[in-house]
C-alpha atoms as a PDB file:
ATOM      1  CA  MET A   1       0.000   0.000   0.000  1.00  0.00           C
ATOM      2  CA  ALA A   2       1.479   3.323  -1.074  1.00  0.00           C
ATOM      3  CA  VAL A   3       1.370   6.208   1.368  1.00  0.00           C
ATOM      4  CA  LYS A   4       1.053   9.787   0.182  1.00  0.00           C
ATOM      5  CA  LYS A   5       3.737  12.224   1.270  1.00  0.00           C
ATOM      6  CA  SER A   6       1.229  14.349   3.200  1.00  0.00           C
ATOM      7  CA  GLU A   7      -0.048  11.270   5.055  1.00  0.00           C
ATOM      8  CA  LEU A   8       3.512  10.257   5.881  1.00  0.00           C
ATOM      9  CA  TYR A   9       4.281  13.722   7.272  1.00  0.00           C
ATOM     10  CA  SER A  10       1.111  13.617   9.365  1.00  0.00           C
ATOM     11  CA  MET A  11       1.977  10.194  10.767  1.00  0.00           C
ATOM     12  CA  LEU A  12       5.541  11.270  11.561  1.00  0.00           C
ATOM     13  CA  TRP A  13       4.360  14.470  13.226  1.00  0.00           C
ATOM     14  CA  GLU A  14       1.874  12.540  15.352  1.00  0.00           C
ATOM     15  CA  ALA A  15       4.548   9.987  16.327  1.00  0.00           C
ATOM     16  CA  CYS A  16       6.931  12.798  17.329  1.00  0.00           C
ATOM     17  CA  ASN A  17       4.261  14.393  19.487  1.00  0.00           C
ATOM     18  CA  LYS A  18       3.613  11.069  21.232  1.00  0.00           C
ATOM     19  CA  LEU A  19       7.330  10.493  21.818  1.00  0.00           C
ATOM     20  CA  ARG A  20       7.824  14.038  23.048  1.00  0.00           C
ATOM     21  CA  GLY A  21       5.297  13.526  25.801  1.00  0.00           C
ATOM     22  CA  GLY A  22       5.681  16.165  28.519  1.00  0.00           C
ATOM     23  CA  VAL A  23       8.864  17.715  27.127  1.00  0.00           C
ATOM     24  CA  GLU A  24       8.491  21.293  25.945  1.00  0.00           C
ATOM     25  CA  PRO A  25       8.873  21.733  22.180  1.00  0.00           C
ATOM     26  CA  ALA A  26      11.797  24.111  22.731  1.00  0.00           C
ATOM     27  CA  ARG A  27      13.718  21.409  24.659  1.00  0.00           C
ATOM     28  CA  TYR A  28      12.688  18.637  22.281  1.00  0.00           C
ATOM     29  CA  LYS A  29      15.130  20.017  19.689  1.00  0.00           C
ATOM     30  CA  ASP A  30      18.002  19.027  21.976  1.00  0.00           C
ATOM     31  CA  TYR A  31      17.078  15.375  21.599  1.00  0.00           C
ATOM     32  CA  VAL A  32      16.412  15.602  17.883  1.00  0.00           C
ATOM     33  CA  LEU A  33      19.697  17.379  17.126  1.00  0.00           C
ATOM     34  CA  VAL A  34      21.642  14.676  18.965  1.00  0.00           C
ATOM     35  CA  LEU A  35      19.891  11.977  16.958  1.00  0.00           C
ATOM     36  CA  LEU A  36      20.556  13.795  13.678  1.00  0.00           C
ATOM     37  CA  PHE A  37      24.230  14.232  14.567  1.00  0.00           C
ATOM     38  CA  HIS A  38      24.513  10.553  15.467  1.00  0.00           C
ATOM     39  CA  LYS A  39      22.921   9.575  12.153  1.00  0.00           C
ATOM     40  CA  TYR A  40      25.297  11.869  10.218  1.00  0.00           C
ATOM     41  CA  VAL A  41      28.414  10.497  11.929  1.00  0.00           C
ATOM     42  CA  SER A  42      27.198   6.910  11.582  1.00  0.00           C
ATOM     43  CA  GLU A  43      26.657   7.289   7.846  1.00  0.00           C
ATOM     44  CA  LYS A  44      29.872   9.240   7.252  1.00  0.00           C
ATOM     45  CA  TYR A  45      32.088   6.663   8.959  1.00  0.00           C
ATOM     46  CA  LYS A  46      30.109   3.552   8.039  1.00  0.00           C
ATOM     47  CA  GLY A  47      32.470   0.587   7.843  1.00  0.00           C
ATOM     48  CA  GLN A  48      35.275   2.529   9.580  1.00  0.00           C
ATOM     49  CA  PRO A  49      34.629   1.996  13.300  1.00  0.00           C
ATOM     50  CA  TYR A  50      37.733   3.846  14.559  1.00  0.00           C
ATOM     51  CA  ALA A  51      38.113   6.468  11.818  1.00  0.00           C
ATOM     52  CA  MET A  52      37.422   9.514  14.005  1.00  0.00           C
ATOM     53  CA  ILE A  53      39.600   8.289  16.862  1.00  0.00           C
ATOM     54  CA  LEU A  54      42.498   7.443  14.555  1.00  0.00           C
ATOM     55  CA  SER A  55      42.303  10.767  12.729  1.00  0.00           C
ATOM     56  CA  ARG A  56      42.435  12.587  16.101  1.00  0.00           C
ATOM     57  CA  LEU A  57      45.454  10.547  17.195  1.00  0.00           C
ATOM     58  CA  VAL A  58      47.293  11.258  13.940  1.00  0.00           C
ATOM     59  CA  ASP A  59      46.525  14.987  14.210  1.00  0.00           C
ATOM     60  CA  THR A  60      47.722  15.092  17.820  1.00  0.00           C
ATOM     61  CA  PHE A  61      50.836  13.070  17.085  1.00  0.00           C
ATOM     62  CA  SER A  62      51.846  15.074  14.025  1.00  0.00           C
ATOM     63  CA  SER A  63      51.331  18.384  15.832  1.00  0.00           C
ATOM     64  CA  ARG A  64      53.709  17.273  18.601  1.00  0.00           C
ATOM     65  CA  ILE A  65      56.418  16.217  16.154  1.00  0.00           C
ATOM     66  CA  LEU A  66      56.313  19.445  14.172  1.00  0.00           C
END
């Protein structure tokens, strides 16, 4: 069964409101931004579990040598 875009948006909005519960909408963004950041980092470094840690170590090490 195909779902129209407007129906999908309505269902997502309703689900977000249920999940939000008693949290004020202004504070809800804190949770959403963390989830979006996690999704971005997960997709960027997919298949490279230690990529960010290793790049930080290399940067730190090279800055101490130079």
